[in-house]
Amino acid sequence: MVKTIANAERLLKIGGRLGEAIDPPLRPELVEQITIAAGATGAVLLQNDTRTRDVPRTVGVDEFNTPLI
């Protein structure tokens, strides 16, 4: 497993854009930018008040995605 270091400056910049997540077409790009800045394999944007299978996520998450029964 390769360790990566998060880019704090980039994460802070993206944090200032989280309000954009209210606009659905902007969500995938925002999640992808968070993934890159965090040095992560993938990311998912979850809502705390809604349960749905259709969540913004990066391609890296698909490898770990298991079907819900």
C-alpha atoms as a PDB file:
ATOM      1  CA  MET A   1       0.000   0.000   0.000  1.00  0.00           C
ATOM      2  CA  VAL A   2       1.402   3.370  -1.042  1.00  0.00           C
ATOM      3  CA  LYS A   3       1.188   6.159   1.503  1.00  0.00           C
ATOM      4  CA  THR A   4       0.330   9.622   0.258  1.00  0.00           C
ATOM      5  CA  ILE A   5       0.362  12.982   1.929  1.00  0.00           C
ATOM      6  CA  ALA A   6      -2.676  15.235   1.791  1.00  0.00           C
ATOM      7  CA  ASN A   7      -2.191  18.685   0.342  1.00  0.00           C
ATOM      8  CA  ALA A   8      -3.482  20.909   3.167  1.00  0.00           C
ATOM      9  CA  GLU A   9      -3.478  24.091   1.098  1.00  0.00           C
ATOM     10  CA  ARG A  10      -5.492  22.451  -1.655  1.00  0.00           C
ATOM     11  CA  LEU A  11      -7.921  20.939   0.880  1.00  0.00           C
ATOM     12  CA  LEU A  12      -8.517  24.366   2.429  1.00  0.00           C
ATOM     13  CA  LYS A  13      -9.203  25.836  -1.009  1.00  0.00           C
ATOM     14  CA  ILE A  14     -11.678  23.059  -1.806  1.00  0.00           C
ATOM     15  CA  GLY A  15     -13.283  23.487   1.635  1.00  0.00           C
ATOM     16  CA  GLY A  16     -14.206  26.988   0.545  1.00  0.00           C
ATOM     17  CA  ARG A  17     -16.086  25.475  -2.400  1.00  0.00           C
ATOM     18  CA  LEU A  18     -18.230  23.001  -0.440  1.00  0.00           C
ATOM     19  CA  GLY A  19     -21.248  25.270  -0.823  1.00  0.00           C
ATOM     20  CA  GLU A  20     -21.136  24.439  -4.526  1.00  0.00           C
ATOM     21  CA  ALA A  21     -22.209  20.897  -3.644  1.00  0.00           C
ATOM     22  CA  ILE A  22     -25.777  22.188  -3.594  1.00  0.00           C
ATOM     23  CA  ASP A  23     -25.597  22.210  -7.416  1.00  0.00           C
ATOM     24  CA  PRO A  24     -25.748  18.529  -8.546  1.00  0.00           C
ATOM     25  CA  PRO A  25     -23.786  18.959 -11.813  1.00  0.00           C
ATOM     26  CA  LEU A  26     -20.813  20.356  -9.846  1.00  0.00           C
ATOM     27  CA  ARG A  27     -20.658  17.490  -7.329  1.00  0.00           C
ATOM     28  CA  PRO A  28     -18.569  14.953  -9.293  1.00  0.00           C
ATOM     29  CA  GLU A  29     -15.813  17.476 -10.025  1.00  0.00           C
ATOM     30  CA  LEU A  30     -15.795  18.683  -6.423  1.00  0.00           C
ATOM     31  CA  VAL A  31     -15.532  15.116  -5.086  1.00  0.00           C
ATOM     32  CA  GLU A  32     -12.719  14.381  -7.550  1.00  0.00           C
ATOM     33  CA  GLN A  33     -10.807  17.479  -6.372  1.00  0.00           C
ATOM     34  CA  ILE A  34     -11.190  16.408  -2.731  1.00  0.00           C
ATOM     35  CA  THR A  35      -9.856  12.947  -3.650  1.00  0.00           C
ATOM     36  CA  ILE A  36      -6.774  14.409  -5.331  1.00  0.00           C
ATOM     37  CA  ALA A  37      -6.075  16.880  -2.519  1.00  0.00           C
ATOM     38  CA  ALA A  38      -6.456  14.191   0.132  1.00  0.00           C
ATOM     39  CA  GLY A  39      -4.194  11.786  -1.722  1.00  0.00           C
ATOM     40  CA  ALA A  40      -7.014   9.250  -1.607  1.00  0.00           C
ATOM     41  CA  THR A  41      -8.001   6.435  -3.937  1.00  0.00           C
ATOM     42  CA  GLY A  42     -11.577   7.656  -4.180  1.00  0.00           C
ATOM     43  CA  ALA A  43     -14.303   9.591  -2.418  1.00  0.00           C
ATOM     44  CA  VAL A  44     -18.065   9.647  -1.982  1.00  0.00           C
ATOM     45  CA  LEU A  45     -20.220  12.633  -1.107  1.00  0.00           C
ATOM     46  CA  LEU A  46     -22.895  11.507   1.349  1.00  0.00           C
ATOM     47  CA  GLN A  47     -25.894  13.431   2.588  1.00  0.00           C
ATOM     48  CA  ASN A  48     -26.774  13.040   6.229  1.00  0.00           C
ATOM     49  CA  ASP A  49     -30.535  13.272   5.782  1.00  0.00           C
ATOM     50  CA  THR A  50     -31.143  11.172   2.661  1.00  0.00           C
ATOM     51  CA  ARG A  51     -30.407   7.528   1.851  1.00  0.00           C
ATOM     52  CA  THR A  52     -29.869   6.898  -1.842  1.00  0.00           C
ATOM     53  CA  ARG A  53     -27.688   4.704  -4.034  1.00  0.00           C
ATOM     54  CA  ASP A  54     -27.103   7.575  -6.460  1.00  0.00           C
ATOM     55  CA  VAL A  55     -24.326   9.492  -4.705  1.00  0.00           C
ATOM     56  CA  PRO A  56     -21.523  11.516  -6.272  1.00  0.00           C
ATOM     57  CA  ARG A  57     -18.387   9.375  -6.206  1.00  0.00           C
ATOM     58  CA  THR A  58     -15.095   9.023  -7.976  1.00  0.00           C
ATOM     59  CA  VAL A  59     -14.084   6.102 -10.167  1.00  0.00           C
ATOM     60  CA  GLY A  60     -11.642   4.948  -7.477  1.00  0.00           C
ATOM     61  CA  VAL A  61     -14.551   4.038  -5.200  1.00  0.00           C
ATOM     62  CA  ASP A  62     -16.126   1.713  -7.749  1.00  0.00           C
ATOM     63  CA  GLU A  63     -13.434  -0.886  -7.050  1.00  0.00           C
ATOM     64  CA  PHE A  64     -14.724  -1.179  -3.483  1.00  0.00           C
ATOM     65  CA  ASN A  65     -18.406  -0.773  -4.295  1.00  0.00           C
ATOM     66  CA  THR A  66     -20.497  -3.814  -3.424  1.00  0.00           C
ATOM     67  CA  PRO A  67     -24.132  -4.175  -4.470  1.00  0.00           C
ATOM     68  CA  LEU A  68     -26.728  -3.538  -1.792  1.00  0.00           C
ATOM     69  CA  ILE A  69     -29.117  -6.442  -1.299  1.00  0.00           C
END
